[in-house]
Amino acid sequence: MIKKYTCQNGVRIVLENIPTVRSVAIGVWIGTGSRDENPVNNGISHFLEHMFFKGTTTRTAREIAESFDSIGGQVNAFTSKEYTCYYAKVLDTHSQYALDVLADMFFNSTFVEEELKKEQNVVLEEIKMYEDTPDDIVHDLLSKAIYNDHPLGYPILGTEETLLTFNGDKLKEYIKERYTPENVVISIAGNITDSFIKEVEKYFGSYEGTRRETAENKPVFHTNQISRKKETEQAHLCLGFDGLKVGHEDIYSLILLNNILGGSMSSRLFQEVREQRGLAYSIFSYHSAYQDSGIVTIYGGTGAKQLDTLFETIQETLEKLKQEGITEKELTNSKEQLKGSLMLSLESTNSRMSRNGKNELLLKRHRSLDEIIEQVDKVSKPSVDKMANFIFNDQYSVSLISPNGELPKGLMKK
C-alpha cells in the first residue's frame, strides 16, 4: 500500500511499506534535468548532482562516502532529461541515519572552489569517456537530430565550454530556481512504518522556495540525418520515430509493440538481424517517454561494409510488421514477459522506490500492480497493429557514427 502525504510547503512524500524485506530505499527526486537548461548552462543539473557529494557544512566528501560504507549501505545519484534523483539503500535499522545524510547533502552542500575545480575535471573525463563509446553517443546525436535546438536535444553531461563556466553562485542560483518544494518528491520503500513520513517532514517540510511558472516548451519532432565520421571498428546506426508521452492512454500498446519488435531475444529484429543473418551483435529497440513527447529508437551496430544491408533488413522488418501485423502468439508472449518483469521488479526496494518517485513526479498518480496487469491484458492485436502503422511511418530521423560517416544508401530513396 502506497501512502501519500504533501507537506505544508508543497514537498510530496510517498511511502510504500514492504514488511517482508530488511532494507529501505530512500530517494530524493527533483523535477529538473537537461530539458530545463539553456545553451549557456547546459549540464548544470548533472554537475550539481556531482557536487552534492563533495562536502557539507558538517561532512567532508570523504565522510559522506564513509557514512554509507560504514553501515553497509549504498548511495548514488543520476540525472536524466527531466529529473534528478539522489538515493540511498540501507538496512532498515539505518533508515533514519540515511535520511539525515541525504538531507544534509540537499540543504548544506558548500560548493567550495577547490572541490568544484576537481569535480569539473572529473566530469570532463566523464565527457571524454562518453566520446570513446560511440554506441552511447549515437543516441545523443539522435536526440539532437529529432529535437534540434529544443533542450530535449541537449546532452545531459553538457559540454566542456559550459562546464567550465559553473561556479558556486551559479549552482546556488539554479537550486533556488529549480529545487523548489513543489518540484521535490521524497520516495521511500522498504521495511518502514508510516510514522517515517513525519521524520521526512521534519527535514523537508518547512524549507521555502519561490514557485516559478515555467513557460510551455513542447518540442517538435524533426526528421533529420546526423552522421559523424569517427575511427571505430563498427558503424553505429539509430533510427528514431515519433513516440508517445508518459502516461498516454495507448502506452501499453506501444510497450508491447516495442517488445515484439526489438525489446528481447525473441524479438523480430534480434531474430532477423542477429540470429538469421548474423549482421550484428547488438540490435534492439526502446521507447523513451517524456512529459509531452516520446521517441521510439532502433539501434544496430555492424561492420561499415554491412551497414546498407543492416538498414535494409530493419526496413524490411518494419514493413512486414506493418503489412502483416503481429501474431497472437507474439502478443501473448509479450504480455507475459511484461507482466513477469513488472512482478520481478517488485522484489527490489530500489525499483519500487524509483517507480513511485517517478510516478508521483511525472504523473501524480499510482496504479496498483493489478490495475497495470488489467491494462496490459486489455491490449488487443488490432490496437498493436494500428500502433505499428501509426509509429513506423516515413517521418523518422537517423543518426550514425562510422569510420567513413556515410549514411546507408537506402536513405537516399526516402
Protein backbone atom coordinates (compact mmCIF):
# COMPACT_ATOMS: atom_id res chain seq x y z
CA MET A 1 0.00 0.00 0.00
CA ILE A 2 1.42 3.39 -1.04
CA LYS A 3 0.88 6.27 1.39
CA LYS A 4 1.00 9.82 0.01
CA TYR A 5 1.50 12.96 2.05
CA THR A 6 2.01 16.57 0.99
CA CYS A 7 3.90 18.84 3.36
CA GLN A 8 2.74 22.37 4.04
CA ASN A 9 5.44 23.78 1.76
CA GLY A 10 4.47 21.51 -1.18
CA VAL A 11 7.09 18.74 -0.88
CA ARG A 12 5.41 15.37 -1.62
CA ILE A 13 6.26 12.19 0.27
CA VAL A 14 5.35 8.70 -0.97
CA LEU A 15 5.98 5.71 1.25
CA GLU A 16 5.49 2.02 0.50
CA ASN A 17 5.82 -0.36 3.42
CA ILE A 18 7.22 -3.79 2.46
CA PRO A 19 7.43 -5.73 5.74
CA THR A 20 8.93 -8.84 4.10
CA VAL A 21 12.34 -7.23 3.43
CA ARG A 22 15.14 -5.92 5.65
CA SER A 23 16.16 -2.93 3.51
CA VAL A 24 14.89 0.60 2.93
CA ALA A 25 15.45 2.69 -0.19
CA ILE A 26 15.11 6.48 0.09
CA GLY A 27 15.12 8.71 -2.98
CA VAL A 28 15.05 12.49 -3.24
CA TRP A 29 13.52 13.29 -6.65
CA ILE A 30 13.69 16.74 -8.21
CA GLY A 31 11.72 17.59 -11.34
CA THR A 32 14.62 19.15 -13.18
CA GLY A 33 17.03 17.86 -15.79
CA SER A 34 18.71 18.84 -19.04
CA ARG A 35 15.39 19.90 -20.65
CA ASP A 36 15.19 22.73 -18.07
CA GLU A 37 18.54 24.14 -19.17
CA ASN A 38 19.61 26.57 -21.88
CA PRO A 39 22.64 26.77 -24.21
CA VAL A 40 24.60 28.71 -21.54
CA ASN A 41 24.05 26.40 -18.56
CA ASN A 42 23.66 23.02 -20.32
CA GLY A 43 24.99 20.32 -17.99
CA ILE A 44 24.35 22.19 -14.73
CA SER A 45 21.74 19.67 -13.45
CA HIS A 46 24.25 16.84 -13.83
CA PHE A 47 27.16 18.85 -12.40
CA LEU A 48 25.08 19.85 -9.38
CA GLU A 49 24.29 16.17 -8.79
CA HIS A 50 28.07 15.54 -8.59
CA MET A 51 28.67 18.50 -6.27
CA PHE A 52 26.14 17.33 -3.69
CA PHE A 53 28.63 14.59 -2.78
CA LYS A 54 31.54 16.99 -2.33
CA GLY A 55 31.00 18.14 1.23
CA THR A 56 28.53 19.91 3.50
CA THR A 57 28.93 22.31 6.43
CA THR A 58 29.39 19.29 8.74
CA ARG A 59 30.71 16.48 6.49
CA THR A 60 33.63 16.29 4.06
CA ALA A 61 33.29 14.45 0.75
CA ARG A 62 35.14 11.51 2.29
CA GLU A 63 32.87 11.47 5.32
CA ILE A 64 29.78 11.34 3.08
CA ALA A 65 31.22 8.29 1.30
CA GLU A 66 32.30 6.65 4.58
CA SER A 67 28.94 7.31 6.21
CA PHE A 68 27.29 4.78 3.89
CA ASP A 69 30.21 2.36 3.57
CA SER A 70 30.39 2.10 7.38
CA ILE A 71 26.79 0.83 7.58
CA GLY A 72 26.97 -1.44 4.52
CA GLY A 73 24.66 0.84 2.55
CA GLN A 74 24.72 2.30 -0.93
CA VAL A 75 24.37 5.91 -2.01
CA ASN A 76 24.25 7.26 -5.54
CA ALA A 77 22.54 9.73 -7.87
CA PHE A 78 21.63 10.21 -11.51
CA THR A 79 20.39 12.91 -13.83
CA SER A 80 18.04 12.43 -16.77
CA LYS A 81 16.46 14.81 -19.24
CA GLU A 82 13.52 15.55 -16.93
CA TYR A 83 14.55 14.74 -13.37
CA THR A 84 17.43 14.29 -10.92
CA CYS A 85 17.49 11.70 -8.14
CA TYR A 86 19.68 11.21 -5.04
CA TYR A 87 19.11 7.89 -3.37
CA ALA A 88 20.34 5.52 -0.70
CA LYS A 89 19.63 1.89 0.11
CA VAL A 90 20.37 0.72 3.65
CA LEU A 91 19.33 -1.84 6.25
CA ASP A 92 16.04 -0.87 7.89
CA THR A 93 17.86 -0.14 11.17
CA HIS A 94 19.82 2.64 9.45
CA SER A 95 16.96 4.43 7.66
CA GLN A 96 16.97 7.46 9.97
CA TYR A 97 20.73 7.85 9.54
CA ALA A 98 20.46 7.64 5.73
CA LEU A 99 17.72 10.27 5.72
CA ASP A 100 19.89 12.57 7.83
CA VAL A 101 22.86 12.32 5.42
CA LEU A 102 20.71 12.81 2.30
CA ALA A 103 19.06 15.88 3.85
CA ASP A 104 22.47 17.24 4.84
CA MET A 105 23.66 16.90 1.23
CA PHE A 106 20.46 18.51 -0.07
CA PHE A 107 20.42 21.53 2.21
CA ASN A 108 24.01 22.09 3.40
CA SER A 109 26.34 21.41 0.46
CA THR A 110 29.05 24.05 0.41
CA PHE A 111 30.31 24.02 -3.23
CA VAL A 112 33.80 25.15 -2.21
CA GLU A 113 36.08 26.30 -5.02
CA GLU A 114 38.70 23.59 -4.54
CA GLU A 115 36.16 20.74 -4.76
CA LEU A 116 34.39 22.47 -7.64
CA LYS A 117 37.56 22.60 -9.75
CA LYS A 118 38.34 18.95 -9.04
CA GLU A 119 34.82 17.86 -9.96
CA GLN A 120 34.87 19.90 -13.19
CA ASN A 121 37.87 17.84 -14.18
CA VAL A 122 36.08 14.60 -13.19
CA VAL A 123 33.06 15.49 -15.39
CA LEU A 124 35.39 16.49 -18.25
CA GLU A 125 36.84 12.99 -18.04
CA GLU A 126 33.29 11.61 -18.00
CA ILE A 127 32.54 13.53 -21.22
CA LYS A 128 35.75 12.18 -22.81
CA MET A 129 34.87 8.65 -21.71
CA TYR A 130 31.44 9.11 -23.31
CA GLU A 131 33.10 10.28 -26.53
CA ASP A 132 35.03 6.99 -26.55
CA THR A 133 31.77 4.98 -26.55
CA PRO A 134 30.15 5.59 -29.95
CA ASP A 135 27.31 3.17 -29.17
CA ASP A 136 26.29 5.67 -26.45
CA ILE A 137 26.91 8.95 -28.29
CA VAL A 138 24.88 7.90 -31.31
CA HIS A 139 21.73 8.04 -29.12
CA ASP A 140 22.57 11.63 -28.10
CA LEU A 141 23.04 12.50 -31.76
CA LEU A 142 19.59 11.07 -32.47
CA SER A 143 18.03 13.32 -29.79
CA LYS A 144 19.80 16.27 -31.41
CA ALA A 145 18.51 15.26 -34.86
CA ILE A 146 14.94 14.90 -33.60
CA TYR A 147 14.65 17.85 -31.22
CA ASN A 148 17.05 20.26 -32.94
CA ASP A 149 17.57 23.32 -30.70
CA HIS A 150 14.99 22.26 -28.11
CA PRO A 151 16.55 21.43 -24.69
CA LEU A 152 15.42 17.77 -25.02
CA GLY A 153 18.13 17.56 -27.68
CA TYR A 154 20.88 18.73 -25.29
CA PRO A 155 23.40 16.25 -23.86
CA ILE A 156 22.79 15.58 -20.15
CA LEU A 157 26.53 15.94 -19.39
CA GLY A 158 26.72 19.36 -21.05
CA THR A 159 29.82 20.46 -22.93
CA GLU A 160 33.37 21.36 -21.97
CA GLU A 161 32.58 25.03 -22.68
CA THR A 162 29.51 25.22 -20.42
CA LEU A 163 31.02 23.06 -17.69
CA LEU A 164 33.98 25.39 -17.13
CA THR A 165 31.67 28.37 -16.51
CA PHE A 166 29.97 26.82 -13.46
CA ASN A 167 30.76 28.21 -10.02
CA GLY A 168 29.22 28.12 -6.54
CA ASP A 169 26.96 31.13 -7.19
CA LYS A 170 25.54 29.62 -10.39
CA LEU A 171 24.84 26.32 -8.63
CA LYS A 172 23.07 28.08 -5.74
CA GLU A 173 21.01 30.15 -8.17
CA TYR A 174 19.96 27.01 -10.06
CA ILE A 175 18.93 25.34 -6.78
CA LYS A 176 16.88 28.40 -5.88
CA GLU A 177 15.14 28.30 -9.25
CA ARG A 178 14.57 24.57 -9.72
CA TYR A 179 14.84 22.79 -6.33
CA THR A 180 11.63 24.39 -5.09
CA PRO A 181 9.38 22.43 -2.69
CA GLU A 182 6.57 21.70 -5.18
CA ASN A 183 9.23 20.27 -7.52
CA VAL A 184 10.52 17.74 -4.95
CA VAL A 185 9.29 14.23 -4.14
CA ILE A 186 10.72 12.03 -1.39
CA SER A 187 10.09 8.36 -2.14
CA ILE A 188 10.64 5.63 0.45
CA ALA A 189 10.15 1.88 0.01
CA GLY A 190 11.04 -1.00 2.31
CA ASN A 191 10.59 -2.24 5.85
CA ILE A 192 9.45 1.08 7.28
CA THR A 193 6.29 2.24 9.04
CA ASP A 194 4.09 5.19 8.08
CA SER A 195 5.47 7.17 11.04
CA PHE A 196 8.66 7.70 8.99
CA ILE A 197 6.69 10.26 6.96
CA LYS A 198 6.86 12.57 9.99
CA GLU A 199 10.65 12.10 10.14
CA VAL A 200 10.94 13.12 6.48
CA GLU A 201 8.68 16.11 7.09
CA LYS A 202 10.99 17.35 9.86
CA TYR A 203 13.78 17.72 7.29
CA PHE A 204 11.95 18.66 4.10
CA GLY A 205 8.56 20.04 5.19
CA SER A 206 9.44 23.61 6.13
CA TYR A 207 12.03 24.97 3.69
CA GLU A 208 10.79 27.72 1.45
CA GLY A 209 11.13 28.37 -2.25
CA THR A 210 9.62 30.68 -4.80
CA ARG A 211 7.24 28.92 -7.13
CA ARG A 212 8.11 29.88 -10.68
CA GLU A 213 5.85 29.48 -13.67
CA THR A 214 7.72 27.58 -16.35
CA ALA A 215 6.98 28.50 -19.93
CA GLU A 216 5.43 25.82 -22.12
CA ASN A 217 8.20 24.46 -24.34
CA LYS A 218 6.68 21.46 -26.07
CA PRO A 219 9.15 20.04 -28.59
CA VAL A 220 8.50 19.48 -32.29
CA PHE A 221 9.59 16.20 -33.90
CA HIS A 222 12.03 16.85 -36.77
CA THR A 223 13.17 14.48 -39.50
CA ASN A 224 16.91 14.96 -39.76
CA GLN A 225 20.02 12.97 -40.51
CA ILE A 226 23.21 13.43 -38.49
CA SER A 227 26.33 11.43 -39.26
CA ARG A 228 29.75 11.61 -37.68
CA LYS A 229 32.99 10.20 -39.03
CA LYS A 230 34.98 8.52 -36.28
CA GLU A 231 37.68 5.88 -36.13
CA THR A 232 35.58 2.99 -34.92
CA GLU A 233 35.50 -0.72 -35.64
CA GLN A 234 31.76 -0.64 -36.28
CA ALA A 235 29.10 1.57 -37.81
CA HIS A 236 26.56 2.58 -35.13
CA LEU A 237 23.11 3.36 -36.52
CA CYS A 238 19.99 4.77 -34.84
CA LEU A 239 16.55 5.34 -36.33
CA GLY A 240 14.14 7.50 -34.32
CA PHE A 241 10.35 7.68 -34.71
CA ASP A 242 7.83 9.97 -33.02
CA GLY A 243 6.56 8.14 -29.90
CA LEU A 244 4.06 8.73 -27.09
CA LYS A 245 4.29 10.90 -23.99
CA VAL A 246 4.47 9.44 -20.49
CA GLY A 247 1.07 8.31 -19.25
CA HIS A 248 -0.53 8.22 -22.73
CA GLU A 249 -3.68 6.07 -22.83
CA ASP A 250 -2.19 3.84 -25.55
CA ILE A 251 1.22 3.46 -23.89
CA TYR A 252 0.83 -0.29 -23.22
CA SER A 253 0.08 -0.99 -26.91
CA LEU A 254 3.38 0.73 -27.72
CA ILE A 255 5.31 -1.04 -24.94
CA LEU A 256 4.12 -4.42 -26.23
CA LEU A 257 4.82 -3.44 -29.85
CA ASN A 258 8.36 -2.41 -28.92
CA ASN A 259 8.87 -5.68 -27.07
CA ILE A 260 7.81 -7.66 -30.14
CA LEU A 261 9.96 -5.54 -32.47
CA GLY A 262 13.25 -5.28 -30.59
CA GLY A 263 12.85 -5.50 -26.84
CA SER A 264 14.00 -9.07 -26.24
CA MET A 265 16.00 -12.02 -27.61
CA SER A 266 12.87 -13.45 -29.23
CA SER A 267 12.02 -10.11 -30.88
CA ARG A 268 11.78 -9.78 -34.65
CA LEU A 269 14.84 -7.56 -35.03
CA PHE A 270 17.04 -9.78 -32.84
CA GLN A 271 15.93 -12.93 -34.64
CA GLU A 272 16.20 -11.49 -38.15
CA VAL A 273 19.32 -9.31 -37.83
CA ARG A 274 21.41 -11.38 -35.43
CA GLU A 275 20.16 -14.96 -35.46
CA GLN A 276 19.16 -15.35 -39.12
CA ARG A 277 21.63 -13.06 -40.90
CA GLY A 278 24.47 -12.65 -38.38
CA LEU A 279 24.66 -8.93 -39.17
CA ALA A 280 25.09 -7.54 -35.67
CA TYR A 281 25.92 -8.48 -32.12
CA SER A 282 23.83 -5.64 -30.72
CA ILE A 283 20.40 -4.85 -32.16
CA PHE A 284 17.45 -3.57 -30.12
CA SER A 285 14.64 -1.02 -29.87
CA TYR A 286 13.26 1.00 -26.95
CA HIS A 287 10.75 3.73 -26.20
CA SER A 288 11.63 6.93 -24.29
CA ALA A 289 8.59 8.73 -22.86
CA TYR A 290 8.81 12.37 -21.80
CA GLN A 291 6.14 14.61 -20.27
CA ASP A 292 4.89 15.83 -23.64
CA SER A 293 6.56 13.66 -26.29
CA GLY A 294 8.40 10.40 -26.90
CA ILE A 295 10.83 8.60 -29.19
CA VAL A 296 10.92 5.02 -30.43
CA THR A 297 14.57 4.20 -31.16
CA ILE A 298 16.04 1.32 -33.14
CA TYR A 299 19.80 0.75 -32.68
CA GLY A 300 22.14 -1.58 -34.52
CA GLY A 301 25.93 -1.84 -34.66
CA THR A 302 27.67 -3.60 -37.55
CA GLY A 303 30.77 -3.51 -39.77
CA ALA A 304 30.79 -0.47 -42.08
CA LYS A 305 30.54 -2.69 -45.18
CA GLN A 306 27.35 -4.28 -43.86
CA LEU A 307 25.62 -1.01 -42.95
CA ASP A 308 23.46 -0.91 -46.09
CA THR A 309 22.33 -4.50 -45.51
CA LEU A 310 21.55 -3.76 -41.86
CA PHE A 311 19.48 -0.72 -42.81
CA GLU A 312 17.59 -2.69 -45.48
CA THR A 313 16.92 -5.54 -43.03
CA ILE A 314 15.50 -3.11 -40.44
CA GLN A 315 13.28 -1.53 -43.12
CA GLU A 316 12.07 -4.93 -44.34
CA THR A 317 11.29 -5.99 -40.76
CA LEU A 318 9.26 -2.81 -40.18
CA GLU A 319 7.44 -3.16 -43.49
CA LYS A 320 6.50 -6.77 -42.75
CA LEU A 321 5.31 -5.76 -39.29
CA LYS A 322 3.05 -3.09 -40.78
CA GLN A 323 1.75 -5.21 -43.66
CA GLU A 324 1.10 -8.47 -41.83
CA GLY A 325 0.72 -7.31 -38.24
CA ILE A 326 1.77 -9.24 -35.16
CA THR A 327 0.71 -12.80 -34.31
CA GLU A 328 -1.49 -13.76 -31.35
CA LYS A 329 1.41 -15.83 -30.02
CA GLU A 330 3.73 -12.79 -30.09
CA LEU A 331 1.11 -10.72 -28.25
CA THR A 332 0.56 -13.40 -25.58
CA ASN A 333 4.30 -13.94 -25.06
CA SER A 334 4.95 -10.21 -24.90
CA LYS A 335 2.21 -9.68 -22.33
CA GLU A 336 3.57 -12.46 -20.12
CA GLN A 337 7.10 -11.09 -20.48
CA LEU A 338 5.97 -7.59 -19.47
CA LYS A 339 3.94 -8.86 -16.52
CA GLY A 340 6.84 -11.05 -15.42
CA SER A 341 9.35 -8.20 -15.48
CA LEU A 342 6.89 -5.97 -13.58
CA MET A 343 6.43 -8.56 -10.85
CA LEU A 344 10.14 -9.33 -10.60
CA SER A 345 10.89 -5.62 -10.21
CA LEU A 346 8.63 -5.57 -7.14
CA GLU A 347 11.19 -7.72 -5.33
CA SER A 348 13.62 -4.79 -5.23
CA THR A 349 13.08 -1.91 -2.80
CA ASN A 350 15.16 0.30 -5.11
CA SER A 351 12.92 -0.33 -8.12
CA ARG A 352 9.75 0.24 -6.07
CA MET A 353 11.17 3.49 -4.70
CA SER A 354 12.08 4.55 -8.26
CA ARG A 355 8.71 3.66 -9.72
CA ASN A 356 6.80 5.51 -7.00
CA GLY A 357 9.09 8.55 -7.19
CA LYS A 358 8.78 8.84 -10.97
CA ASN A 359 5.02 8.26 -10.97
CA GLU A 360 4.46 10.96 -8.35
CA LEU A 361 6.79 13.42 -10.05
CA LEU A 362 5.57 12.96 -13.64
CA LEU A 363 2.02 11.63 -13.32
CA LYS A 364 0.91 12.47 -9.76
CA ARG A 365 -0.83 9.08 -9.61
CA HIS A 366 -0.03 5.49 -8.67
CA ARG A 367 -1.52 2.39 -10.26
CA SER A 368 -1.52 -0.89 -8.38
CA LEU A 369 0.05 -3.95 -9.98
CA ASP A 370 -3.44 -5.38 -10.55
CA GLU A 371 -4.50 -2.22 -12.41
CA ILE A 372 -1.39 -2.31 -14.61
CA ILE A 373 -1.88 -6.00 -15.41
CA GLU A 374 -5.52 -5.26 -16.29
CA GLN A 375 -4.35 -2.53 -18.70
CA VAL A 376 -1.78 -4.88 -20.26
CA ASP A 377 -4.33 -7.68 -20.66
CA LYS A 378 -6.75 -5.28 -22.37
CA VAL A 379 -4.33 -4.63 -25.27
CA SER A 380 -5.57 -6.34 -28.44
CA LYS A 381 -3.86 -7.41 -31.66
CA PRO A 382 -5.70 -4.70 -33.69
CA SER A 383 -4.52 -1.96 -31.28
CA VAL A 384 -0.86 -3.09 -31.61
CA ASP A 385 -1.17 -3.39 -35.41
CA LYS A 386 -2.68 0.10 -35.55
CA MET A 387 0.16 1.42 -33.37
CA ALA A 388 2.78 -0.13 -35.69
CA ASN A 389 1.31 1.68 -38.70
CA PHE A 390 1.00 4.90 -36.72
CA ILE A 391 4.58 4.92 -35.35
CA PHE A 392 6.64 3.45 -38.19
CA ASN A 393 5.94 5.95 -40.96
CA ASP A 394 8.32 7.72 -43.35
CA GLN A 395 8.89 10.60 -40.93
CA TYR A 396 11.92 9.45 -38.96
CA SER A 397 15.36 10.72 -38.01
CA VAL A 398 18.70 8.97 -38.37
CA SER A 399 22.00 9.23 -36.53
CA LEU A 400 25.20 7.44 -37.47
CA ILE A 401 28.76 7.11 -36.25
CA SER A 402 31.02 5.14 -38.57
CA PRO A 403 34.58 5.01 -39.96
CA ASN A 404 33.52 6.85 -43.15
CA GLY A 405 30.45 8.73 -41.89
CA GLU A 406 28.45 7.67 -44.97
CA LEU A 407 24.74 7.17 -44.38
CA PRO A 408 23.06 3.98 -45.68
CA LYS A 409 22.29 4.09 -49.41
CA GLY A 410 18.67 3.12 -48.71
CA LEU A 411 18.13 6.53 -47.10
CA MET A 412 18.52 8.21 -50.47
CA LYS A 413 15.25 6.57 -51.53
CA LYS A 414 13.46 8.26 -48.65
